[in-house]
PDB file of all heavy atoms in Angstrom:
ATOM      1  N   GLU A   1      10.314  -5.367  -5.723  1.00  0.00           N
ATOM      2  CA  GLU A   1       9.580  -6.579  -5.408  1.00  0.00           C
ATOM      3  C   GLU A   1       9.189  -6.588  -3.929  1.00  0.00           C
ATOM      4  O   GLU A   1       9.880  -6.036  -3.088  1.00  0.00           O
ATOM      5  CB  GLU A   1      10.438  -7.816  -5.709  1.00  0.00           C
ATOM      6  CG  GLU A   1      10.758  -8.004  -7.195  1.00  0.00           C
ATOM      7  CD  GLU A   1      12.023  -7.240  -7.603  1.00  0.00           C
ATOM      8  OE1 GLU A   1      12.513  -6.453  -6.787  1.00  0.00           O
ATOM      9  OE2 GLU A   1      12.482  -7.471  -8.737  1.00  0.00           O
ATOM     10  N   LEU A   2       8.078  -7.248  -3.619  1.00  0.00           N
ATOM     11  CA  LEU A   2       7.624  -7.322  -2.237  1.00  0.00           C
ATOM     12  C   LEU A   2       8.663  -7.972  -1.336  1.00  0.00           C
ATOM     13  O   LEU A   2       8.883  -7.525  -0.202  1.00  0.00           O
ATOM     14  CB  LEU A   2       6.290  -8.088  -2.176  1.00  0.00           C
ATOM     15  CG  LEU A   2       5.091  -7.425  -2.890  1.00  0.00           C
ATOM     16  CD1 LEU A   2       3.845  -8.288  -2.681  1.00  0.00           C
ATOM     17  CD2 LEU A   2       4.852  -6.020  -2.404  1.00  0.00           C
ATOM     18  N   ARG A   3       9.284  -9.011  -1.813  1.00  0.00           N
ATOM     19  CA  ARG A   3      10.294  -9.701  -1.011  1.00  0.00           C
ATOM     20  C   ARG A   3      11.471  -8.767  -0.713  1.00  0.00           C
ATOM     21  O   ARG A   3      12.013  -8.760   0.387  1.00  0.00           O
ATOM     22  CB  ARG A   3      10.808 -10.960  -1.732  1.00  0.00           C
ATOM     23  CG  ARG A   3      11.865 -11.736  -0.961  1.00  0.00           C
ATOM     24  CD  ARG A   3      12.314 -12.946  -1.741  1.00  0.00           C
ATOM     25  NE  ARG A   3      11.287 -13.951  -1.835  1.00  0.00           N
ATOM     26  CZ  ARG A   3      11.141 -14.952  -0.967  1.00  0.00           C
ATOM     27  NH1 ARG A   3      11.966 -15.004   0.069  1.00  0.00           N
ATOM     28  NH2 ARG A   3      10.191 -15.827  -1.103  1.00  0.00           N
ATOM     29  N   ARG A   4      11.838  -7.950  -1.702  1.00  0.00           N
ATOM     30  CA  ARG A   4      12.958  -7.052  -1.515  1.00  0.00           C
ATOM     31  C   ARG A   4      12.599  -5.946  -0.508  1.00  0.00           C
ATOM     32  O   ARG A   4      13.470  -5.494   0.260  1.00  0.00           O
ATOM     33  CB  ARG A   4      13.350  -6.431  -2.849  1.00  0.00           C
ATOM     34  CG  ARG A   4      14.601  -5.587  -2.804  1.00  0.00           C
ATOM     35  CD  ARG A   4      14.984  -5.052  -4.155  1.00  0.00           C
ATOM     36  NE  ARG A   4      15.955  -3.957  -4.056  1.00  0.00           N
ATOM     37  CZ  ARG A   4      16.204  -3.112  -5.045  1.00  0.00           C
ATOM     38  NH1 ARG A   4      15.586  -3.240  -6.190  1.00  0.00           N
ATOM     39  NH2 ARG A   4      17.103  -2.154  -4.877  1.00  0.00           N
ATOM     40  N   ARG A   5      11.348  -5.524  -0.495  1.00  0.00           N
ATOM     41  CA  ARG A   5      10.929  -4.505   0.486  1.00  0.00           C
ATOM     42  C   ARG A   5      11.117  -5.043   1.908  1.00  0.00           C
ATOM     43  O   ARG A   5      11.616  -4.348   2.785  1.00  0.00           O
ATOM     44  CB  ARG A   5       9.467  -4.132   0.249  1.00  0.00           C
ATOM     45  CG  ARG A   5       9.211  -3.370  -1.066  1.00  0.00           C
ATOM     46  CD  ARG A   5       7.728  -3.230  -1.324  1.00  0.00           C
ATOM     47  NE  ARG A   5       7.460  -2.733  -2.683  1.00  0.00           N
ATOM     48  CZ  ARG A   5       7.250  -1.470  -3.020  1.00  0.00           C
ATOM     49  NH1 ARG A   5       7.250  -0.555  -2.053  1.00  0.00           N
ATOM     50  NH2 ARG A   5       7.039  -1.111  -4.247  1.00  0.00           N
ATOM     51  N   SER A   6      10.692  -6.283   2.100  1.00  0.00           N
ATOM     52  CA  SER A   6      10.891  -6.904   3.420  1.00  0.00           C
ATOM     53  C   SER A   6      12.364  -7.065   3.744  1.00  0.00           C
ATOM     54  O   SER A   6      12.771  -6.849   4.899  1.00  0.00           O
ATOM     55  CB  SER A   6      10.188  -8.257   3.436  1.00  0.00           C
ATOM     56  OG  SER A   6       8.801  -8.139   3.224  1.00  0.00           O
ATOM     57  N   ASP A   7      13.159  -7.450   2.779  1.00  0.00           N
ATOM     58  CA  ASP A   7      14.599  -7.594   2.989  1.00  0.00           C
ATOM     59  C   ASP A   7      15.242  -6.288   3.416  1.00  0.00           C
ATOM     60  O   ASP A   7      16.088  -6.237   4.310  1.00  0.00           O
ATOM     61  CB  ASP A   7      15.290  -8.127   1.737  1.00  0.00           C
ATOM     62  CG  ASP A   7      14.957  -9.578   1.458  1.00  0.00           C
ATOM     63  OD1 ASP A   7      14.469 -10.278   2.373  1.00  0.00           O
ATOM     64  OD2 ASP A   7      15.180 -10.041   0.290  1.00  0.00           O
ATOM     65  N   ILE A   8      14.835  -5.210   2.751  1.00  0.00           N
ATOM     66  CA  ILE A   8      15.370  -3.865   3.083  1.00  0.00           C
ATOM     67  C   ILE A   8      15.021  -3.538   4.517  1.00  0.00           C
ATOM     68  O   ILE A   8      15.864  -3.059   5.294  1.00  0.00           O
ATOM     69  CB  ILE A   8      14.786  -2.796   2.142  1.00  0.00           C
ATOM     70  CG1 ILE A   8      15.350  -2.982   0.707  1.00  0.00           C
ATOM     71  CG2 ILE A   8      15.118  -1.384   2.653  1.00  0.00           C
ATOM     72  CD1 ILE A   8      14.662  -2.112  -0.316  1.00  0.00           C
ATOM     73  N   ALA A   9      13.773  -3.803   4.908  1.00  0.00           N
ATOM     74  CA  ALA A   9      13.325  -3.513   6.262  1.00  0.00           C
ATOM     75  C   ALA A   9      14.118  -4.298   7.300  1.00  0.00           C
ATOM     76  O   ALA A   9      14.586  -3.752   8.301  1.00  0.00           O
ATOM     77  CB  ALA A   9      11.821  -3.809   6.392  1.00  0.00           C
ATOM     78  N   ASN A  10      14.295  -5.585   7.042  1.00  0.00           N
ATOM     79  CA  ASN A  10      14.949  -6.455   7.994  1.00  0.00           C
ATOM     80  C   ASN A  10      16.466  -6.192   8.102  1.00  0.00           C
ATOM     81  O   ASN A  10      17.026  -6.133   9.185  1.00  0.00           O
ATOM     82  CB  ASN A  10      14.723  -7.933   7.633  1.00  0.00           C
ATOM     83  CG  ASN A  10      13.256  -8.297   7.707  1.00  0.00           C
ATOM     84  OD1 ASN A  10      12.508  -7.744   8.520  1.00  0.00           O
ATOM     85  ND2 ASN A  10      12.829  -9.206   6.868  1.00  0.00           N
ATOM     86  N   LYS A  11      17.106  -5.979   6.969  1.00  0.00           N
ATOM     87  CA  LYS A  11      18.552  -5.723   6.958  1.00  0.00           C
ATOM     88  C   LYS A  11      18.883  -4.350   7.568  1.00  0.00           C
ATOM     89  O   LYS A  11      19.979  -4.118   8.046  1.00  0.00           O
ATOM     90  CB  LYS A  11      19.099  -5.822   5.540  1.00  0.00           C
ATOM     91  CG  LYS A  11      19.116  -7.244   5.023  1.00  0.00           C
ATOM     92  CD  LYS A  11      19.592  -7.317   3.581  1.00  0.00           C
ATOM     93  CE  LYS A  11      19.568  -8.732   3.038  1.00  0.00           C
ATOM     94  NZ  LYS A  11      19.984  -8.812   1.614  1.00  0.00           N
ATOM     95  N   SER A  12      17.891  -3.438   7.530  1.00  0.00           N
ATOM     96  CA  SER A  12      18.093  -2.118   8.122  1.00  0.00           C
ATOM     97  C   SER A  12      17.801  -2.101   9.602  1.00  0.00           C
ATOM     98  O   SER A  12      17.881  -1.050  10.241  1.00  0.00           O
ATOM     99  CB  SER A  12      17.181  -1.092   7.401  1.00  0.00           C
ATOM    100  OG  SER A  12      17.443  -1.024   6.040  1.00  0.00           O
ATOM    101  N   GLN A  13      17.442  -3.256  10.164  1.00  0.00           N
ATOM    102  CA  GLN A  13      17.134  -3.409  11.561  1.00  0.00           C
ATOM    103  C   GLN A  13      16.034  -2.459  12.011  1.00  0.00           C
ATOM    104  O   GLN A  13      16.134  -1.752  13.013  1.00  0.00           O
ATOM    105  CB  GLN A  13      18.401  -3.194  12.408  1.00  0.00           C
ATOM    106  CG  GLN A  13      19.490  -4.213  12.131  1.00  0.00           C
ATOM    107  CD  GLN A  13      20.669  -4.100  13.052  1.00  0.00           C
ATOM    108  OE1 GLN A  13      20.842  -3.103  13.741  1.00  0.00           O
ATOM    109  NE2 GLN A  13      21.510  -5.118  13.059  1.00  0.00           N
ATOM    110  N   GLY A  14      14.961  -2.431  11.218  1.00  0.00           N
ATOM    111  CA  GLY A  14      13.836  -1.553  11.520  1.00  0.00           C
ATOM    112  C   GLY A  14      13.085  -2.035  12.752  1.00  0.00           C
ATOM    113  O   GLY A  14      13.066  -3.222  13.081  1.00  0.00           O
ATOM    114  N   ASN A  15      12.444  -1.078  13.432  1.00  0.00           N
ATOM    115  CA  ASN A  15      11.621  -1.403  14.595  1.00  0.00           C
ATOM    116  C   ASN A  15      10.125  -1.187  14.304  1.00  0.00           C
ATOM    117  O   ASN A  15       9.298  -1.608  15.085  1.00  0.00           O
ATOM    118  CB  ASN A  15      11.991  -0.508  15.791  1.00  0.00           C
ATOM    119  CG  ASN A  15      13.491  -0.526  16.056  1.00  0.00           C
ATOM    120  OD1 ASN A  15      14.153   0.492  15.955  1.00  0.00           O
ATOM    121  ND2 ASN A  15      14.019  -1.691  16.441  1.00  0.00           N
ATOM    122  N   LEU A  16       9.839  -0.508  13.203  1.00  0.00           N
ATOM    123  CA  LEU A  16       8.456  -0.228  12.837  1.00  0.00           C
ATOM    124  C   LEU A  16       8.390  -0.063  11.314  1.00  0.00           C
ATOM    125  O   LEU A  16       9.175   0.648  10.703  1.00  0.00           O
ATOM    126  CB  LEU A  16       7.958   1.044  13.504  1.00  0.00           C
ATOM    127  CG  LEU A  16       6.494   1.448  13.265  1.00  0.00           C
ATOM    128  CD1 LEU A  16       5.543   0.403  13.838  1.00  0.00           C
ATOM    129  CD2 LEU A  16       6.204   2.804  13.859  1.00  0.00           C
ATOM    130  N   PHE A  17       7.434  -0.763  10.686  1.00  0.00           N
ATOM    131  CA  PHE A  17       7.277  -0.756   9.230  1.00  0.00           C
ATOM    132  C   PHE A  17       5.983  -0.032   8.894  1.00  0.00           C
ATOM    133  O   PHE A  17       4.894  -0.464   9.321  1.00  0.00           O
ATOM    134  CB  PHE A  17       7.261  -2.172   8.697  1.00  0.00           C
ATOM    135  CG  PHE A  17       7.247  -2.315   7.216  1.00  0.00           C
ATOM    136  CD1 PHE A  17       8.450  -2.415   6.525  1.00  0.00           C
ATOM    137  CD2 PHE A  17       6.076  -2.358   6.494  1.00  0.00           C
ATOM    138  CE1 PHE A  17       8.458  -2.559   5.114  1.00  0.00           C
ATOM    139  CE2 PHE A  17       6.059  -2.511   5.128  1.00  0.00           C
ATOM    140  CZ  PHE A  17       7.251  -2.603   4.435  1.00  0.00           C
ATOM    141  N   VAL A  18       6.060   1.051   8.140  1.00  0.00           N
ATOM    142  CA  VAL A  18       4.888   1.832   7.749  1.00  0.00           C
ATOM    143  C   VAL A  18       4.793   1.807   6.231  1.00  0.00           C
ATOM    144  O   VAL A  18       5.628   2.402   5.527  1.00  0.00           O
ATOM    145  CB  VAL A  18       4.969   3.278   8.252  1.00  0.00           C
ATOM    146  CG1 VAL A  18       3.693   4.036   7.873  1.00  0.00           C
ATOM    147  CG2 VAL A  18       5.143   3.312   9.782  1.00  0.00           C
ATOM    148  N   SER A  19       3.782   1.145   5.712  1.00  0.00           N
ATOM    149  CA  SER A  19       3.610   1.025   4.277  1.00  0.00           C
ATOM    150  C   SER A  19       2.471   1.957   3.810  1.00  0.00           C
ATOM    151  O   SER A  19       1.341   1.873   4.329  1.00  0.00           O
ATOM    152  CB  SER A  19       3.273  -0.418   3.879  1.00  0.00           C
ATOM    153  OG  SER A  19       3.286  -0.577   2.483  1.00  0.00           O
ATOM    154  N   ILE A  20       2.784   2.860   2.894  1.00  0.00           N
ATOM    155  CA  ILE A  20       1.821   3.880   2.441  1.00  0.00           C
ATOM    156  C   ILE A  20       1.144   3.423   1.167  1.00  0.00           C
ATOM    157  O   ILE A  20       1.805   3.079   0.181  1.00  0.00           O
ATOM    158  CB  ILE A  20       2.520   5.230   2.191  1.00  0.00           C
ATOM    159  CG1 ILE A  20       3.375   5.624   3.392  1.00  0.00           C
ATOM    160  CG2 ILE A  20       1.505   6.304   1.866  1.00  0.00           C
ATOM    161  CD1 ILE A  20       2.624   5.858   4.647  1.00  0.00           C
ATOM    162  N   HIS A  21      -0.195   3.455   1.165  1.00  0.00           N
ATOM    163  CA  HIS A  21      -0.963   3.017  -0.012  1.00  0.00           C
ATOM    164  C   HIS A  21      -2.192   3.927  -0.184  1.00  0.00           C
ATOM    165  O   HIS A  21      -2.512   4.733   0.671  1.00  0.00           O
ATOM    166  CB  HIS A  21      -1.426   1.578   0.151  1.00  0.00           C
ATOM    167  CG  HIS A  21      -0.337   0.562  -0.046  1.00  0.00           C
ATOM    168  ND1 HIS A  21      -0.252  -0.227  -1.189  1.00  0.00           N
ATOM    169  CD2 HIS A  21       0.718   0.243   0.721  1.00  0.00           C
ATOM    170  CE1 HIS A  21       0.822  -0.993  -1.086  1.00  0.00           C
ATOM    171  NE2 HIS A  21       1.415  -0.728   0.061  1.00  0.00           N
ATOM    172  N   CYS A  22      -2.850   3.745  -1.345  1.00  0.00           N
ATOM    173  CA  CYS A  22      -4.145   4.375  -1.585  1.00  0.00           C
ATOM    174  C   CYS A  22      -5.142   3.258  -1.880  1.00  0.00           C
ATOM    175  O   CYS A  22      -4.804   2.279  -2.550  1.00  0.00           O
ATOM    176  CB  CYS A  22      -4.114   5.311  -2.788  1.00  0.00           C
ATOM    177  SG  CYS A  22      -2.960   6.705  -2.626  1.00  0.00           S
ATOM    178  N   ASN A  23      -6.339   3.409  -1.388  1.00  0.00           N
ATOM    179  CA  ASN A  23      -7.378   2.402  -1.577  1.00  0.00           C
ATOM    180  C   ASN A  23      -8.113   2.628  -2.888  1.00  0.00           C
ATOM    181  O   ASN A  23      -7.995   3.669  -3.517  1.00  0.00           O
ATOM    182  CB  ASN A  23      -8.363   2.447  -0.402  1.00  0.00           C
ATOM    183  CG  ASN A  23      -8.844   1.054  -0.028  1.00  0.00           C
ATOM    184  OD1 ASN A  23      -8.861   0.139  -0.873  1.00  0.00           O
ATOM    185  ND2 ASN A  23      -9.242   0.870   1.208  1.00  0.00           N
ATOM    186  N   SER A  24      -8.921   1.658  -3.301  1.00  0.00           N
ATOM    187  CA  SER A  24      -9.743   1.776  -4.481  1.00  0.00           C
ATOM    188  C   SER A  24     -10.960   0.875  -4.309  1.00  0.00           C
ATOM    189  O   SER A  24     -10.798  -0.286  -3.937  1.00  0.00           O
ATOM    190  CB  SER A  24      -8.955   1.384  -5.736  1.00  0.00           C
ATOM    191  OG  SER A  24      -9.760   1.506  -6.903  1.00  0.00           O
ATOM    192  N   SER A  25     -12.121   1.408  -4.564  1.00  0.00           N
ATOM    193  CA  SER A  25     -13.347   0.606  -4.462  1.00  0.00           C
ATOM    194  C   SER A  25     -13.710   0.019  -5.801  1.00  0.00           C
ATOM    195  O   SER A  25     -13.158   0.409  -6.837  1.00  0.00           O
ATOM    196  CB  SER A  25     -14.508   1.481  -3.929  1.00  0.00           C
ATOM    197  OG  SER A  25     -14.689   2.603  -4.760  1.00  0.00           O
ATOM    198  N   ALA A  26     -14.627  -0.898  -5.807  1.00  0.00           N
ATOM    199  CA  ALA A  26     -14.978  -1.661  -7.012  1.00  0.00           C
ATOM    200  C   ALA A  26     -15.789  -0.824  -8.005  1.00  0.00           C
ATOM    201  O   ALA A  26     -15.995  -1.251  -9.152  1.00  0.00           O
ATOM    202  CB  ALA A  26     -15.760  -2.904  -6.647  1.00  0.00           C
ATOM    203  N   GLU A  27     -16.229   0.359  -7.609  1.00  0.00           N
ATOM    204  CA  GLU A  27     -17.102   1.115  -8.496  1.00  0.00           C
ATOM    205  C   GLU A  27     -16.399   1.796  -9.655  1.00  0.00           C
ATOM    206  O   GLU A  27     -17.038   2.287 -10.568  1.00  0.00           O
ATOM    207  CB  GLU A  27     -17.837   2.197  -7.665  1.00  0.00           C
ATOM    208  CG  GLU A  27     -18.879   1.690  -6.716  1.00  0.00           C
ATOM    209  CD  GLU A  27     -18.222   1.179  -5.413  1.00  0.00           C
ATOM    210  OE1 GLU A  27     -17.027   1.427  -5.234  1.00  0.00           O
ATOM    211  OE2 GLU A  27     -18.916   0.577  -4.614  1.00  0.00           O
ATOM    212  N   GLY A  28     -15.069   1.843  -9.618  1.00  0.00           N
ATOM    213  CA  GLY A  28     -14.344   2.484 -10.719  1.00  0.00           C
ATOM    214  C   GLY A  28     -14.111   3.949 -10.454  1.00  0.00           C
ATOM    215  O   GLY A  28     -14.282   4.451  -9.348  1.00  0.00           O
ATOM    216  N   THR A  29     -13.755   4.695 -11.511  1.00  0.00           N
ATOM    217  CA  THR A  29     -13.350   6.084 -11.342  1.00  0.00           C
ATOM    218  C   THR A  29     -14.388   7.084 -11.886  1.00  0.00           C
ATOM    219  O   THR A  29     -14.132   8.282 -11.909  1.00  0.00           O
ATOM    220  CB  THR A  29     -12.015   6.338 -12.055  1.00  0.00           C
ATOM    221  OG1 THR A  29     -12.135   5.970 -13.431  1.00  0.00           O
ATOM    222  CG2 THR A  29     -10.908   5.534 -11.408  1.00  0.00           C
ATOM    223  N   ALA A  30     -15.532   6.601 -12.349  1.00  0.00           N
ATOM    224  CA  ALA A  30     -16.533   7.507 -12.907  1.00  0.00           C
ATOM    225  C   ALA A  30     -17.073   8.430 -11.820  1.00  0.00           C
ATOM    226  O   ALA A  30     -17.240   8.042 -10.669  1.00  0.00           O
ATOM    227  CB  ALA A  30     -17.679   6.717 -13.515  1.00  0.00           C
ATOM    228  N   TYR A  31     -17.373   9.667 -12.178  1.00  0.00           N
ATOM    229  CA  TYR A  31     -17.884  10.635 -11.210  1.00  0.00           C
ATOM    230  C   TYR A  31     -19.224  10.194 -10.624  1.00  0.00           C
ATOM    231  O   TYR A  31     -19.570  10.539  -9.512  1.00  0.00           O
ATOM    232  CB  TYR A  31     -18.039  12.001 -11.886  1.00  0.00           C
ATOM    233  CG  TYR A  31     -16.773  12.798 -11.920  1.00  0.00           C
ATOM    234  CD1 TYR A  31     -16.013  12.891 -13.079  1.00  0.00           C
ATOM    235  CD2 TYR A  31     -16.294  13.435 -10.783  1.00  0.00           C
ATOM    236  CE1 TYR A  31     -14.836  13.616 -13.115  1.00  0.00           C
ATOM    237  CE2 TYR A  31     -15.106  14.156 -10.803  1.00  0.00           C
ATOM    238  CZ  TYR A  31     -14.388  14.262 -11.979  1.00  0.00           C
ATOM    239  OH  TYR A  31     -13.213  14.976 -12.006  1.00  0.00           O
ATOM    240  N   ARG A  32     -19.986   9.419 -11.395  1.00  0.00           N
ATOM    241  CA  ARG A  32     -21.263   8.961 -10.916  1.00  0.00           C
ATOM    242  C   ARG A  32     -21.157   7.755  -9.974  1.00  0.00           C
ATOM    243  O   ARG A  32     -22.143   7.279  -9.433  1.00  0.00           O
ATOM    244  CB  ARG A  32     -22.175   8.626 -12.069  1.00  0.00           C
ATOM    245  CG  ARG A  32     -21.666   7.472 -12.943  1.00  0.00           C
ATOM    246  CD  ARG A  32     -22.632   7.169 -14.079  1.00  0.00           C
ATOM    247  NE  ARG A  32     -22.134   6.109 -14.944  1.00  0.00           N
ATOM    248  CZ  ARG A  32     -21.295   6.275 -15.939  1.00  0.00           C
ATOM    249  NH1 ARG A  32     -20.841   7.498 -16.197  1.00  0.00           N
ATOM    250  NH2 ARG A  32     -20.914   5.250 -16.692  1.00  0.00           N
ATOM    251  N   ALA A  33     -19.933   7.268  -9.813  1.00  0.00           N
ATOM    252  CA  ALA A  33     -19.743   6.098  -8.979  1.00  0.00           C
ATOM    253  C   ALA A  33     -20.004   6.390  -7.514  1.00  0.00           C
ATOM    254  O   ALA A  33     -19.927   7.544  -7.073  1.00  0.00           O
ATOM    255  CB  ALA A  33     -18.311   5.553  -9.149  1.00  0.00           C
ATOM    256  N   HIS A  34     -20.325   5.378  -6.785  1.00  0.00           N
ATOM    257  CA  HIS A  34     -20.495   5.511  -5.334  1.00  0.00           C
ATOM    258  C   HIS A  34     -19.169   5.978  -4.738  1.00  0.00           C
ATOM    259  O   HIS A  34     -18.132   5.368  -4.952  1.00  0.00           O
ATOM    260  CB  HIS A  34     -20.898   4.171  -4.726  1.00  0.00           C
ATOM    261  CG  HIS A  34     -20.930   4.202  -3.227  1.00  0.00           C
ATOM    262  ND1 HIS A  34     -21.826   4.943  -2.525  1.00  0.00           N
ATOM    263  CD2 HIS A  34     -20.151   3.565  -2.301  1.00  0.00           C
ATOM    264  CE1 HIS A  34     -21.611   4.787  -1.208  1.00  0.00           C
ATOM    265  NE2 HIS A  34     -20.607   3.932  -1.071  1.00  0.00           N
ATOM    266  N   LYS A  35     -19.191   7.044  -3.971  1.00  0.00           N
ATOM    267  CA  LYS A  35     -17.977   7.665  -3.486  1.00  0.00           C
ATOM    268  C   LYS A  35     -17.577   7.121  -2.105  1.00  0.00           C
ATOM    269  O   LYS A  35     -17.795   7.760  -1.091  1.00  0.00           O
ATOM    270  CB  LYS A  35     -18.127   9.183  -3.439  1.00  0.00           C
ATOM    271  CG  LYS A  35     -18.340   9.802  -4.821  1.00  0.00           C
ATOM    272  CD  LYS A  35     -18.504  11.307  -4.714  1.00  0.00           C
ATOM    273  CE  LYS A  35     -18.731  11.923  -6.095  1.00  0.00           C
ATOM    274  NZ  LYS A  35     -18.905  13.396  -6.003  1.00  0.00           N
ATOM    275  N   GLN A  36     -17.052   5.913  -2.076  1.00  0.00           N
ATOM    276  CA  GLN A  36     -16.566   5.368  -0.835  1.00  0.00           C
ATOM    277  C   GLN A  36     -15.342   6.186  -0.401  1.00  0.00           C
ATOM    278  O   GLN A  36     -14.509   6.569  -1.216  1.00  0.00           O
ATOM    279  CB  GLN A  36     -16.169   3.905  -0.983  1.00  0.00           C
ATOM    280  CG  GLN A  36     -15.857   3.226   0.328  1.00  0.00           C
ATOM    281  CD  GLN A  36     -15.742   1.714   0.196  1.00  0.00           C
ATOM    282  OE1 GLN A  36     -15.953   1.183  -0.893  1.00  0.00           O
ATOM    283  NE2 GLN A  36     -15.428   1.051   1.305  1.00  0.00           N
TER     284      GLN A  36
END
């Protein structure tokens, strides 16, 4: 859960939080889609 992620960070006395994600555009996954 998002709240638990924050709790883990705070209880671990972190000094920097780096959250890794992948983006997605509205065009979907078709090969003909605009390749943002």
